[in-house]
Amino acid sequence: MTPAEYDFRKPPPGDVERNVSAWLALAARRATEAAGGLKSPLALDLAKVESPSAAKLLAGFPEGAVGVPLAPPGDPAGGAMLVFPNPVLLALLSGLMGEAPTALPAGREPTPLEASLIPH
């Protein structure tokens, strides 16, 4: 075995992926339970953990993406951001309002009512 420099931007698979995946699964389960009226349960799956620069992240967002900060207890500034393409966010908001869309809606700005539901 030879020593190698650790690259924090691309950690090897292991505890980080398992911990983040478990946290996302728990967050999706709790969001589904808290919403109560979602017709489709939320499920998130983690493909790969990476720590890119902020510029690379911003360049990778799809056109019209909407970011929702995730604020863990004790850290009101948030430690992460969940980014949705606009149609996915609109479908989730429709689920909160009791609708069950069978396809993603066309991208558009959320209505004032939909925008008020985003924190939920």
PDB file of N, CA and C in Angstrom:
ATOM      1  N   MET A   1       0.849  -1.172   0.000  1.00  0.00           N
ATOM      2  CA  MET A   1       0.000   0.000   0.000  1.00  0.00           C
ATOM      3  C   MET A   1       0.894   1.234   0.000  1.00  0.00           C
ATOM      4  N   THR A   2       0.615   2.165  -0.886  1.00  0.00           N
ATOM      5  CA  THR A   2       1.399   3.390  -0.962  1.00  0.00           C
ATOM      6  C   THR A   2       0.542   4.568  -0.524  1.00  0.00           C
ATOM      7  N   PRO A   3       1.155   5.528   0.158  1.00  0.00           N
ATOM      8  CA  PRO A   3       0.366   6.691   0.595  1.00  0.00           C
ATOM      9  C   PRO A   3      -0.063   7.520  -0.613  1.00  0.00           C
ATOM     10  N   ALA A   4      -1.271   8.047  -0.536  1.00  0.00           N
ATOM     11  CA  ALA A   4      -1.796   8.886  -1.612  1.00  0.00           C
ATOM     12  C   ALA A   4      -2.460  10.105  -0.993  1.00  0.00           C
ATOM     13  N   GLU A   5      -2.360  11.219  -1.677  1.00  0.00           N
ATOM     14  CA  GLU A   5      -2.975  12.447  -1.203  1.00  0.00           C
ATOM     15  C   GLU A   5      -4.490  12.300  -1.263  1.00  0.00           C
ATOM     16  N   TYR A   6      -5.170  12.678  -0.190  1.00  0.00           N
ATOM     17  CA  TYR A   6      -6.623  12.557  -0.119  1.00  0.00           C
ATOM     18  C   TYR A   6      -7.267  13.729  -0.852  1.00  0.00           C
ATOM     19  N   ASP A   7      -8.181  13.443  -1.761  1.00  0.00           N
ATOM     20  CA  ASP A   7      -8.881  14.474  -2.513  1.00  0.00           C
ATOM     21  C   ASP A   7     -10.252  14.684  -1.877  1.00  0.00           C
ATOM     22  N   PHE A   8     -10.414  15.773  -1.126  1.00  0.00           N
ATOM     23  CA  PHE A   8     -11.665  16.047  -0.433  1.00  0.00           C
ATOM     24  C   PHE A   8     -12.803  16.365  -1.399  1.00  0.00           C
ATOM     25  N   ARG A   9     -12.483  16.753  -2.636  1.00  0.00           N
ATOM     26  CA  ARG A   9     -13.528  17.072  -3.618  1.00  0.00           C
ATOM     27  C   ARG A   9     -14.198  15.820  -4.163  1.00  0.00           C
ATOM     28  N   LYS A  10     -13.506  14.688  -4.111  1.00  0.00           N
ATOM     29  CA  LYS A  10     -14.061  13.430  -4.610  1.00  0.00           C
ATOM     30  C   LYS A  10     -13.779  12.320  -3.593  1.00  0.00           C
ATOM     31  N   PRO A  11     -14.539  12.318  -2.491  1.00  0.00           N
ATOM     32  CA  PRO A  11     -14.284  11.293  -1.480  1.00  0.00           C
ATOM     33  C   PRO A  11     -14.612   9.899  -2.010  1.00  0.00           C
ATOM     34  N   PRO A  12     -13.899   8.908  -1.538  1.00  0.00           N
ATOM     35  CA  PRO A  12     -14.199   7.553  -1.993  1.00  0.00           C
ATOM     36  C   PRO A  12     -15.564   7.119  -1.456  1.00  0.00           C
ATOM     37  N   PRO A  13     -16.209   6.172  -2.127  1.00  0.00           N
ATOM     38  CA  PRO A  13     -17.492   5.685  -1.617  1.00  0.00           C
ATOM     39  C   PRO A  13     -17.321   5.147  -0.206  1.00  0.00           C
ATOM     40  N   GLY A  14     -18.308   5.342   0.596  1.00  0.00           N
ATOM     41  CA  GLY A  14     -18.217   4.842   1.962  1.00  0.00           C
ATOM     42  C   GLY A  14     -19.219   5.522   2.868  1.00  0.00           C
ATOM     43  N   ASP A  15     -18.730   5.908   4.048  1.00  0.00           N
ATOM     44  CA  ASP A  15     -19.609   6.446   5.080  1.00  0.00           C
ATOM     45  C   ASP A  15     -20.356   7.696   4.643  1.00  0.00           C
ATOM     46  N   VAL A  16     -19.723   8.572   3.890  1.00  0.00           N
ATOM     47  CA  VAL A  16     -20.382   9.819   3.482  1.00  0.00           C
ATOM     48  C   VAL A  16     -21.632   9.501   2.673  1.00  0.00           C
ATOM     49  N   GLU A  17     -21.500   8.627   1.669  1.00  0.00           N
ATOM     50  CA  GLU A  17     -22.642   8.282   0.836  1.00  0.00           C
ATOM     51  C   GLU A  17     -23.738   7.619   1.652  1.00  0.00           C
ATOM     52  N   ARG A  18     -23.360   6.705   2.523  1.00  0.00           N
ATOM     53  CA  ARG A  18     -24.368   6.018   3.340  1.00  0.00           C
ATOM     54  C   ARG A  18     -25.080   6.997   4.266  1.00  0.00           C
ATOM     55  N   ASN A  19     -24.333   7.895   4.905  1.00  0.00           N
ATOM     56  CA  ASN A  19     -24.948   8.852   5.829  1.00  0.00           C
ATOM     57  C   ASN A  19     -25.858   9.835   5.103  1.00  0.00           C
ATOM     58  N   VAL A  20     -25.399  10.382   3.978  1.00  0.00           N
ATOM     59  CA  VAL A  20     -26.214  11.343   3.226  1.00  0.00           C
ATOM     60  C   VAL A  20     -27.433  10.651   2.644  1.00  0.00           C
ATOM     61  N   SER A  21     -27.268   9.441   2.128  1.00  0.00           N
ATOM     62  CA  SER A  21     -28.392   8.702   1.573  1.00  0.00           C
ATOM     63  C   SER A  21     -29.434   8.408   2.648  1.00  0.00           C
ATOM     64  N   ALA A  22     -28.990   8.000   3.824  1.00  0.00           N
ATOM     65  CA  ALA A  22     -29.922   7.737   4.929  1.00  0.00           C
ATOM     66  C   ALA A  22     -30.633   9.016   5.342  1.00  0.00           C
ATOM     67  N   TRP A  23     -29.896  10.140   5.385  1.00  0.00           N
ATOM     68  CA  TRP A  23     -30.504  11.414   5.771  1.00  0.00           C
ATOM     69  C   TRP A  23     -31.549  11.835   4.745  1.00  0.00           C
ATOM     70  N   LEU A  24     -31.234  11.697   3.442  1.00  0.00           N
ATOM     71  CA  LEU A  24     -32.195  12.071   2.394  1.00  0.00           C
ATOM     72  C   LEU A  24     -33.438  11.189   2.448  1.00  0.00           C
ATOM     73  N   ALA A  25     -33.256   9.890   2.673  1.00  0.00           N
ATOM     74  CA  ALA A  25     -34.400   8.980   2.757  1.00  0.00           C
ATOM     75  C   ALA A  25     -35.287   9.350   3.939  1.00  0.00           C
ATOM     76  N   LEU A  26     -34.673   9.668   5.079  1.00  0.00           N
ATOM     77  CA  LEU A  26     -35.432  10.080   6.256  1.00  0.00           C
ATOM     78  C   LEU A  26     -36.147  11.405   6.009  1.00  0.00           C
ATOM     79  N   ALA A  27     -35.463  12.350   5.369  1.00  0.00           N
ATOM     80  CA  ALA A  27     -36.086  13.644   5.068  1.00  0.00           C
ATOM     81  C   ALA A  27     -37.282  13.463   4.134  1.00  0.00           C
ATOM     82  N   ALA A  28     -37.166  12.617   3.127  1.00  0.00           N
ATOM     83  CA  ALA A  28     -38.270  12.366   2.199  1.00  0.00           C
ATOM     84  C   ALA A  28     -39.438  11.714   2.923  1.00  0.00           C
ATOM     85  N   ARG A  29     -39.145  10.743   3.786  1.00  0.00           N
ATOM     86  CA  ARG A  29     -40.193  10.068   4.546  1.00  0.00           C
ATOM     87  C   ARG A  29     -40.919  11.048   5.463  1.00  0.00           C
ATOM     88  N   ARG A  30     -40.152  11.889   6.167  1.00  0.00           N
ATOM     89  CA  ARG A  30     -40.767  12.861   7.077  1.00  0.00           C
ATOM     90  C   ARG A  30     -41.551  13.929   6.319  1.00  0.00           C
ATOM     91  N   ALA A  31     -41.047  14.347   5.164  1.00  0.00           N
ATOM     92  CA  ALA A  31     -41.766  15.340   4.361  1.00  0.00           C
ATOM     93  C   ALA A  31     -43.089  14.763   3.879  1.00  0.00           C
ATOM     94  N   THR A  32     -43.086  13.495   3.484  1.00  0.00           N
ATOM     95  CA  THR A  32     -44.317  12.847   3.037  1.00  0.00           C
ATOM     96  C   THR A  32     -45.315  12.754   4.189  1.00  0.00           C
ATOM     97  N   GLU A  33     -44.826  12.364   5.370  1.00  0.00           N
ATOM     98  CA  GLU A  33     -45.703  12.262   6.544  1.00  0.00           C
ATOM     99  C   GLU A  33     -46.235  13.624   6.963  1.00  0.00           C
ATOM    100  N   ALA A  34     -45.362  14.640   6.949  1.00  0.00           N
ATOM    101  CA  ALA A  34     -45.764  15.982   7.386  1.00  0.00           C
ATOM    102  C   ALA A  34     -46.772  16.593   6.427  1.00  0.00           C
ATOM    103  N   ALA A  35     -46.606  16.330   5.141  1.00  0.00           N
ATOM    104  CA  ALA A  35     -47.531  16.902   4.159  1.00  0.00           C
ATOM    105  C   ALA A  35     -48.901  16.259   4.279  1.00  0.00           C
ATOM    106  N   GLY A  36     -48.932  14.993   4.590  1.00  0.00           N
ATOM    107  CA  GLY A  36     -50.196  14.305   4.793  1.00  0.00           C
ATOM    108  C   GLY A  36     -51.030  14.132   3.538  1.00  0.00           C
ATOM    109  N   GLY A  37     -51.055  15.111   2.668  1.00  0.00           N
ATOM    110  CA  GLY A  37     -51.927  15.047   1.511  1.00  0.00           C
ATOM    111  C   GLY A  37     -51.231  14.702   0.214  1.00  0.00           C
ATOM    112  N   LEU A  38     -49.969  14.342   0.254  1.00  0.00           N
ATOM    113  CA  LEU A  38     -49.268  14.013  -0.991  1.00  0.00           C
ATOM    114  C   LEU A  38     -49.823  12.723  -1.584  1.00  0.00           C
ATOM    115  N   LYS A  39     -50.166  12.774  -2.846  1.00  0.00           N
ATOM    116  CA  LYS A  39     -50.685  11.579  -3.532  1.00  0.00           C
ATOM    117  C   LYS A  39     -49.556  10.625  -3.897  1.00  0.00           C
ATOM    118  N   SER A  40     -48.360  11.143  -4.097  1.00  0.00           N
ATOM    119  CA  SER A  40     -47.203  10.324  -4.425  1.00  0.00           C
ATOM    120  C   SER A  40     -46.150  10.529  -3.343  1.00  0.00           C
ATOM    121  N   PRO A  41     -45.702   9.459  -2.696  1.00  0.00           N
ATOM    122  CA  PRO A  41     -44.682   9.638  -1.653  1.00  0.00           C
ATOM    123  C   PRO A  41     -43.362  10.100  -2.252  1.00  0.00           C
ATOM    124  N   LEU A  42     -42.637  10.914  -1.488  1.00  0.00           N
ATOM    125  CA  LEU A  42     -41.331  11.388  -1.934  1.00  0.00           C
ATOM    126  C   LEU A  42     -40.296  10.289  -1.742  1.00  0.00           C
ATOM    127  N   ALA A  43     -39.370  10.186  -2.660  1.00  0.00           N
ATOM    128  CA  ALA A  43     -38.256   9.258  -2.546  1.00  0.00           C
ATOM    129  C   ALA A  43     -37.052   9.903  -3.218  1.00  0.00           C
ATOM    130  N   LEU A  44     -35.936   9.927  -2.513  1.00  0.00           N
ATOM    131  CA  LEU A  44     -34.707  10.494  -3.051  1.00  0.00           C
ATOM    132  C   LEU A  44     -33.643   9.407  -3.025  1.00  0.00           C
ATOM    133  N   ASP A  45     -32.849   9.370  -4.053  1.00  0.00           N
ATOM    134  CA  ASP A  45     -31.779   8.391  -4.129  1.00  0.00           C
ATOM    135  C   ASP A  45     -30.487   9.113  -4.484  1.00  0.00           C
ATOM    136  N   LEU A  46     -29.422   8.727  -3.867  1.00  0.00           N
ATOM    137  CA  LEU A  46     -28.136   9.371  -4.046  1.00  0.00           C
ATOM    138  C   LEU A  46     -27.298   8.608  -5.061  1.00  0.00           C
ATOM    139  N   ALA A  47     -26.829   9.302  -6.081  1.00  0.00           N
ATOM    140  CA  ALA A  47     -25.999   8.654  -7.093  1.00  0.00           C
ATOM    141  C   ALA A  47     -24.525   8.783  -6.744  1.00  0.00           C
ATOM    142  N   LYS A  48     -24.071   9.992  -6.375  1.00  0.00           N
ATOM    143  CA  LYS A  48     -22.653  10.212  -6.115  1.00  0.00           C
ATOM    144  C   LYS A  48     -22.497  11.468  -5.254  1.00  0.00           C
ATOM    145  N   VAL A  49     -21.569  11.438  -4.333  1.00  0.00           N
ATOM    146  CA  VAL A  49     -21.284  12.600  -3.496  1.00  0.00           C
ATOM    147  C   VAL A  49     -20.058  13.297  -4.051  1.00  0.00           C
ATOM    148  N   GLU A  50     -20.160  14.594  -4.243  1.00  0.00           N
ATOM    149  CA  GLU A  50     -19.063  15.376  -4.788  1.00  0.00           C
ATOM    150  C   GLU A  50     -19.096  16.748  -4.127  1.00  0.00           C
ATOM    151  N   SER A  51     -17.958  17.361  -3.973  1.00  0.00           N
ATOM    152  CA  SER A  51     -17.863  18.698  -3.391  1.00  0.00           C
ATOM    153  C   SER A  51     -17.270  19.662  -4.413  1.00  0.00           C
ATOM    154  N   PRO A  52     -18.072  20.067  -5.396  1.00  0.00           N
ATOM    155  CA  PRO A  52     -17.553  20.981  -6.420  1.00  0.00           C
ATOM    156  C   PRO A  52     -17.529  22.421  -5.921  1.00  0.00           C
ATOM    157  N   SER A  53     -16.909  23.276  -6.693  1.00  0.00           N
ATOM    158  CA  SER A  53     -16.880  24.696  -6.340  1.00  0.00           C
ATOM    159  C   SER A  53     -18.258  25.308  -6.574  1.00  0.00           C
ATOM    160  N   ALA A  54     -18.500  26.467  -5.964  1.00  0.00           N
ATOM    161  CA  ALA A  54     -19.781  27.151  -6.133  1.00  0.00           C
ATOM    162  C   ALA A  54     -20.028  27.513  -7.595  1.00  0.00           C
ATOM    163  N   ALA A  55     -18.991  27.933  -8.308  1.00  0.00           N
ATOM    164  CA  ALA A  55     -19.145  28.300  -9.720  1.00  0.00           C
ATOM    165  C   ALA A  55     -19.584  27.091 -10.548  1.00  0.00           C
ATOM    166  N   LYS A  56     -18.994  25.923 -10.266  1.00  0.00           N
ATOM    167  CA  LYS A  56     -19.372  24.713 -11.000  1.00  0.00           C
ATOM    168  C   LYS A  56     -20.812  24.320 -10.686  1.00  0.00           C
ATOM    169  N   LEU A  57     -21.213  24.475  -9.441  1.00  0.00           N
ATOM    170  CA  LEU A  57     -22.590  24.163  -9.064  1.00  0.00           C
ATOM    171  C   LEU A  57     -23.579  25.060  -9.790  1.00  0.00           C
ATOM    172  N   LEU A  58     -23.325  26.360  -9.765  1.00  0.00           N
ATOM    173  CA  LEU A  58     -24.242  27.302 -10.406  1.00  0.00           C
ATOM    174  C   LEU A  58     -24.331  27.058 -11.906  1.00  0.00           C
ATOM    175  N   ALA A  59     -23.229  26.709 -12.524  1.00  0.00           N
ATOM    176  CA  ALA A  59     -23.230  26.447 -13.966  1.00  0.00           C
ATOM    177  C   ALA A  59     -24.003  25.175 -14.301  1.00  0.00           C
ATOM    178  N   GLY A  60     -24.111  24.258 -13.350  1.00  0.00           N
ATOM    179  CA  GLY A  60     -24.792  22.991 -13.600  1.00  0.00           C
ATOM    180  C   GLY A  60     -26.285  23.010 -13.349  1.00  0.00           C
ATOM    181  N   PHE A  61     -26.811  24.098 -12.782  1.00  0.00           N
ATOM    182  CA  PHE A  61     -28.247  24.159 -12.529  1.00  0.00           C
ATOM    183  C   PHE A  61     -29.004  24.270 -13.836  1.00  0.00           C
ATOM    184  N   PRO A  62     -30.120  23.555 -13.966  1.00  0.00           N
ATOM    185  CA  PRO A  62     -30.907  23.690 -15.195  1.00  0.00           C
ATOM    186  C   PRO A  62     -31.558  25.071 -15.263  1.00  0.00           C
ATOM    187  N   GLU A  63     -31.907  25.484 -16.470  1.00  0.00           N
ATOM    188  CA  GLU A  63     -32.580  26.765 -16.675  1.00  0.00           C
ATOM    189  C   GLU A  63     -33.871  26.792 -15.865  1.00  0.00           C
ATOM    190  N   GLY A  64     -34.073  27.845 -15.100  1.00  0.00           N
ATOM    191  CA  GLY A  64     -35.300  27.988 -14.320  1.00  0.00           C
ATOM    192  C   GLY A  64     -35.322  27.131 -13.064  1.00  0.00           C
ATOM    193  N   ALA A  65     -34.169  26.627 -12.628  1.00  0.00           N
ATOM    194  CA  ALA A  65     -34.132  25.797 -11.426  1.00  0.00           C
ATOM    195  C   ALA A  65     -34.499  26.625 -10.203  1.00  0.00           C
ATOM    196  N   VAL A  66     -35.086  25.951  -9.226  1.00  0.00           N
ATOM    197  CA  VAL A  66     -35.483  26.597  -7.986  1.00  0.00           C
ATOM    198  C   VAL A  66     -34.739  25.920  -6.850  1.00  0.00           C
ATOM    199  N   GLY A  67     -34.039  26.704  -6.023  1.00  0.00           N
ATOM    200  CA  GLY A  67     -33.293  26.163  -4.901  1.00  0.00           C
ATOM    201  C   GLY A  67     -34.026  26.403  -3.603  1.00  0.00           C
ATOM    202  N   VAL A  68     -34.088  25.364  -2.765  1.00  0.00           N
ATOM    203  CA  VAL A  68     -34.722  25.452  -1.458  1.00  0.00           C
ATOM    204  C   VAL A  68     -33.649  25.150  -0.423  1.00  0.00           C
ATOM    205  N   PRO A  69     -33.311  26.138   0.449  1.00  0.00           N
ATOM    206  CA  PRO A  69     -32.281  25.861   1.452  1.00  0.00           C
ATOM    207  C   PRO A  69     -32.778  24.852   2.483  1.00  0.00           C
ATOM    208  N   LEU A  70     -31.895  23.957   2.877  1.00  0.00           N
ATOM    209  CA  LEU A  70     -32.200  22.980   3.918  1.00  0.00           C
ATOM    210  C   LEU A  70     -31.489  23.432   5.182  1.00  0.00           C
ATOM    211  N   ALA A  71     -32.250  23.776   6.201  1.00  0.00           N
ATOM    212  CA  ALA A  71     -31.672  24.265   7.446  1.00  0.00           C
ATOM    213  C   ALA A  71     -31.812  23.203   8.526  1.00  0.00           C
ATOM    214  N   PRO A  72     -30.719  22.524   8.870  1.00  0.00           N
ATOM    215  CA  PRO A  72     -30.795  21.538   9.940  1.00  0.00           C
ATOM    216  C   PRO A  72     -31.012  22.226  11.284  1.00  0.00           C
ATOM    217  N   PRO A  73     -31.573  21.514  12.262  1.00  0.00           N
ATOM    218  CA  PRO A  73     -31.771  22.120  13.581  1.00  0.00           C
ATOM    219  C   PRO A  73     -30.451  22.659  14.134  1.00  0.00           C
ATOM    220  N   GLY A  74     -30.490  23.864  14.660  1.00  0.00           N
ATOM    221  CA  GLY A  74     -29.299  24.476  15.233  1.00  0.00           C
ATOM    222  C   GLY A  74     -28.443  25.213  14.223  1.00  0.00           C
ATOM    223  N   ASP A  75     -28.793  25.178  12.950  1.00  0.00           N
ATOM    224  CA  ASP A  75     -28.039  25.883  11.919  1.00  0.00           C
ATOM    225  C   ASP A  75     -29.019  26.596  10.991  1.00  0.00           C
ATOM    226  N   PRO A  76     -29.578  27.732  11.455  1.00  0.00           N
ATOM    227  CA  PRO A  76     -30.602  28.413  10.659  1.00  0.00           C
ATOM    228  C   PRO A  76     -30.097  28.904   9.307  1.00  0.00           C
ATOM    229  N   ALA A  77     -28.791  29.052   9.145  1.00  0.00           N
ATOM    230  CA  ALA A  77     -28.247  29.504   7.864  1.00  0.00           C
ATOM    231  C   ALA A  77     -28.323  28.394   6.826  1.00  0.00           C
ATOM    232  N   GLY A  78     -28.494  27.174   7.263  1.00  0.00           N
ATOM    233  CA  GLY A  78     -28.582  26.045   6.338  1.00  0.00           C
ATOM    234  C   GLY A  78     -27.213  25.515   5.992  1.00  0.00           C
ATOM    235  N   GLY A  79     -27.173  24.255   5.665  1.00  0.00           N
ATOM    236  CA  GLY A  79     -25.911  23.646   5.309  1.00  0.00           C
ATOM    237  C   GLY A  79     -25.927  23.090   3.908  1.00  0.00           C
ATOM    238  N   ALA A  80     -27.109  23.076   3.291  1.00  0.00           N
ATOM    239  CA  ALA A  80     -27.230  22.500   1.949  1.00  0.00           C
ATOM    240  C   ALA A  80     -28.399  23.165   1.231  1.00  0.00           C
ATOM    241  N   MET A  81     -28.469  22.907  -0.047  1.00  0.00           N
ATOM    242  CA  MET A  81     -29.567  23.438  -0.845  1.00  0.00           C
ATOM    243  C   MET A  81     -30.082  22.312  -1.730  1.00  0.00           C
ATOM    244  N   LEU A  82     -31.394  22.169  -1.772  1.00  0.00           N
ATOM    245  CA  LEU A  82     -32.038  21.204  -2.636  1.00  0.00           C
ATOM    246  C   LEU A  82     -32.514  21.961  -3.866  1.00  0.00           C
ATOM    247  N   VAL A  83     -32.067  21.545  -5.050  1.00  0.00           N
ATOM    248  CA  VAL A  83     -32.382  22.258  -6.285  1.00  0.00           C
ATOM    249  C   VAL A  83     -33.264  21.375  -7.157  1.00  0.00           C
ATOM    250  N   PHE A  84     -34.382  21.937  -7.574  1.00  0.00           N
ATOM    251  CA  PHE A  84     -35.339  21.235  -8.426  1.00  0.00           C
ATOM    252  C   PHE A  84     -35.455  21.936  -9.766  1.00  0.00           C
ATOM    253  N   PRO A  85     -35.577  21.181 -10.851  1.00  0.00           N
ATOM    254  CA  PRO A  85     -36.016  21.823 -12.093  1.00  0.00           C
ATOM    255  C   PRO A  85     -37.437  22.343 -11.850  1.00  0.00           C
ATOM    256  N   ASN A  86     -37.783  23.443 -12.449  1.00  0.00           N
ATOM    257  CA  ASN A  86     -39.076  24.082 -12.210  1.00  0.00           C
ATOM    258  C   ASN A  86     -40.261  23.126 -12.328  1.00  0.00           C
ATOM    259  N   PRO A  87     -40.360  22.274 -13.369  1.00  0.00           N
ATOM    260  CA  PRO A  87     -41.521  21.382 -13.463  1.00  0.00           C
ATOM    261  C   PRO A  87     -41.635  20.391 -12.295  1.00  0.00           C
ATOM    262  N   VAL A  88     -40.495  19.934 -11.772  1.00  0.00           N
ATOM    263  CA  VAL A  88     -40.529  19.004 -10.638  1.00  0.00           C
ATOM    264  C   VAL A  88     -41.085  19.724  -9.407  1.00  0.00           C
ATOM    265  N   LEU A  89     -40.638  20.946  -9.173  1.00  0.00           N
ATOM    266  CA  LEU A  89     -41.155  21.717  -8.041  1.00  0.00           C
ATOM    267  C   LEU A  89     -42.657  21.930  -8.184  1.00  0.00           C
ATOM    268  N   LEU A  90     -43.110  22.267  -9.388  1.00  0.00           N
ATOM    269  CA  LEU A  90     -44.542  22.483  -9.604  1.00  0.00           C
ATOM    270  C   LEU A  90     -45.340  21.205  -9.358  1.00  0.00           C
ATOM    271  N   ALA A  91     -44.793  20.046  -9.745  1.00  0.00           N
ATOM    272  CA  ALA A  91     -45.474  18.767  -9.499  1.00  0.00           C
ATOM    273  C   ALA A  91     -45.554  18.485  -7.996  1.00  0.00           C
ATOM    274  N   LEU A  92     -44.472  18.765  -7.259  1.00  0.00           N
ATOM    275  CA  LEU A  92     -44.497  18.564  -5.803  1.00  0.00           C
ATOM    276  C   LEU A  92     -45.519  19.486  -5.144  1.00  0.00           C
ATOM    277  N   LEU A  93     -45.574  20.734  -5.591  1.00  0.00           N
ATOM    278  CA  LEU A  93     -46.547  21.676  -5.035  1.00  0.00           C
ATOM    279  C   LEU A  93     -47.974  21.251  -5.361  1.00  0.00           C
ATOM    280  N   SER A  94     -48.190  20.684  -6.546  1.00  0.00           N
ATOM    281  CA  SER A  94     -49.516  20.163  -6.895  1.00  0.00           C
ATOM    282  C   SER A  94     -49.901  19.037  -5.944  1.00  0.00           C
ATOM    283  N   GLY A  95     -48.934  18.187  -5.609  1.00  0.00           N
ATOM    284  CA  GLY A  95     -49.190  17.107  -4.658  1.00  0.00           C
ATOM    285  C   GLY A  95     -49.563  17.632  -3.289  1.00  0.00           C
ATOM    286  N   LEU A  96     -48.927  18.731  -2.866  1.00  0.00           N
ATOM    287  CA  LEU A  96     -49.279  19.333  -1.578  1.00  0.00           C
ATOM    288  C   LEU A  96     -50.707  19.873  -1.576  1.00  0.00           C
ATOM    289  N   MET A  97     -51.192  20.249  -2.755  1.00  0.00           N
ATOM    290  CA  MET A  97     -52.549  20.783  -2.854  1.00  0.00           C
ATOM    291  C   MET A  97     -53.569  19.688  -3.172  1.00  0.00           C
ATOM    292  N   GLY A  98     -53.143  18.419  -3.103  1.00  0.00           N
ATOM    293  CA  GLY A  98     -54.077  17.311  -3.260  1.00  0.00           C
ATOM    294  C   GLY A  98     -54.251  16.807  -4.676  1.00  0.00           C
ATOM    295  N   GLU A  99     -53.516  17.339  -5.622  1.00  0.00           N
ATOM    296  CA  GLU A  99     -53.604  16.862  -7.002  1.00  0.00           C
ATOM    297  C   GLU A  99     -52.606  15.730  -7.209  1.00  0.00           C
ATOM    298  N   ALA A 100     -52.859  14.893  -8.190  1.00  0.00           N
ATOM    299  CA  ALA A 100     -51.945  13.794  -8.515  1.00  0.00           C
ATOM    300  C   ALA A 100     -51.604  13.856  -9.998  1.00  0.00           C
ATOM    301  N   PRO A 101     -50.637  14.732 -10.360  1.00  0.00           N
ATOM    302  CA  PRO A 101     -50.309  14.840 -11.785  1.00  0.00           C
ATOM    303  C   PRO A 101     -49.700  13.538 -12.305  1.00  0.00           C
ATOM    304  N   THR A 102     -50.070  13.171 -13.519  1.00  0.00           N
ATOM    305  CA  THR A 102     -49.528  11.950 -14.123  1.00  0.00           C
ATOM    306  C   THR A 102     -48.282  12.248 -14.950  1.00  0.00           C
ATOM    307  N   ALA A 103     -48.059  13.530 -15.248  1.00  0.00           N
ATOM    308  CA  ALA A 103     -46.872  13.946 -15.992  1.00  0.00           C
ATOM    309  C   ALA A 103     -46.392  15.270 -15.416  1.00  0.00           C
ATOM    310  N   LEU A 104     -45.152  15.602 -15.685  1.00  0.00           N
ATOM    311  CA  LEU A 104     -44.625  16.873 -15.199  1.00  0.00           C
ATOM    312  C   LEU A 104     -45.326  18.031 -15.905  1.00  0.00           C
ATOM    313  N   PRO A 105     -45.712  19.052 -15.132  1.00  0.00           N
ATOM    314  CA  PRO A 105     -46.340  20.210 -15.769  1.00  0.00           C
ATOM    315  C   PRO A 105     -45.317  21.022 -16.555  1.00  0.00           C
ATOM    316  N   ALA A 106     -45.825  21.878 -17.427  1.00  0.00           N
ATOM    317  CA  ALA A 106     -44.938  22.771 -18.179  1.00  0.00           C
ATOM    318  C   ALA A 106     -44.285  23.752 -17.205  1.00  0.00           C
ATOM    319  N   GLY A 107     -43.061  24.134 -17.496  1.00  0.00           N
ATOM    320  CA  GLY A 107     -42.362  25.086 -16.641  1.00  0.00           C
ATOM    321  C   GLY A 107     -43.018  26.461 -16.685  1.00  0.00           C
ATOM    322  N   ARG A 108     -43.190  27.047 -15.518  1.00  0.00           N
ATOM    323  CA  ARG A 108     -43.755  28.390 -15.386  1.00  0.00           C
ATOM    324  C   ARG A 108     -43.412  28.892 -13.996  1.00  0.00           C
ATOM    325  N   GLU A 109     -43.654  30.146 -13.766  1.00  0.00           N
ATOM    326  CA  GLU A 109     -43.436  30.709 -12.436  1.00  0.00           C
ATOM    327  C   GLU A 109     -44.519  30.179 -11.489  1.00  0.00           C
ATOM    328  N   PRO A 110     -44.159  29.832 -10.247  1.00  0.00           N
ATOM    329  CA  PRO A 110     -45.196  29.409  -9.298  1.00  0.00           C
ATOM    330  C   PRO A 110     -46.165  30.561  -9.022  1.00  0.00           C
ATOM    331  N   THR A 111     -47.427  30.210  -8.836  1.00  0.00           N
ATOM    332  CA  THR A 111     -48.425  31.218  -8.461  1.00  0.00           C
ATOM    333  C   THR A 111     -48.114  31.671  -7.040  1.00  0.00           C
ATOM    334  N   PRO A 112     -48.687  32.781  -6.587  1.00  0.00           N
ATOM    335  CA  PRO A 112     -48.446  33.205  -5.196  1.00  0.00           C
ATOM    336  C   PRO A 112     -48.821  32.125  -4.178  1.00  0.00           C
ATOM    337  N   LEU A 113     -49.901  31.394  -4.431  1.00  0.00           N
ATOM    338  CA  LEU A 113     -50.288  30.313  -3.520  1.00  0.00           C
ATOM    339  C   LEU A 113     -49.220  29.224  -3.504  1.00  0.00           C
ATOM    340  N   GLU A 114     -48.751  28.819  -4.680  1.00  0.00           N
ATOM    341  CA  GLU A 114     -47.718  27.786  -4.755  1.00  0.00           C
ATOM    342  C   GLU A 114     -46.425  28.262  -4.087  1.00  0.00           C
ATOM    343  N   ALA A 115     -46.050  29.500  -4.325  1.00  0.00           N
ATOM    344  CA  ALA A 115     -44.831  30.029  -3.712  1.00  0.00           C
ATOM    345  C   ALA A 115     -44.919  30.036  -2.202  1.00  0.00           C
ATOM    346  N   SER A 116     -46.119  30.252  -1.659  1.00  0.00           N
ATOM    347  CA  SER A 116     -46.264  30.248  -0.202  1.00  0.00           C
ATOM    348  C   SER A 116     -46.115  28.842   0.383  1.00  0.00           C
ATOM    349  N   LEU A 117     -46.281  27.795  -0.447  1.00  0.00           N
ATOM    350  CA  LEU A 117     -46.155  26.416   0.014  1.00  0.00           C
ATOM    351  C   LEU A 117     -44.716  25.887  -0.028  1.00  0.00           C
ATOM    352  N   ILE A 118     -43.830  26.581  -0.707  1.00  0.00           N
ATOM    353  CA  ILE A 118     -42.455  26.087  -0.883  1.00  0.00           C
ATOM    354  C   ILE A 118     -41.772  25.765   0.443  1.00  0.00           C
ATOM    355  N   PRO A 119     -41.887  26.587   1.491  1.00  0.00           N
ATOM    356  CA  PRO A 119     -41.215  26.222   2.746  1.00  0.00           C
ATOM    357  C   PRO A 119     -41.732  24.925   3.378  1.00  0.00           C
ATOM    358  N   HIS A 120     -42.937  24.508   2.992  1.00  0.00           N
ATOM    359  CA  HIS A 120     -43.501  23.293   3.573  1.00  0.00           C
ATOM    360  C   HIS A 120     -42.963  22.061   2.876  1.00  0.00           C
TER     361      HIS A 120
END
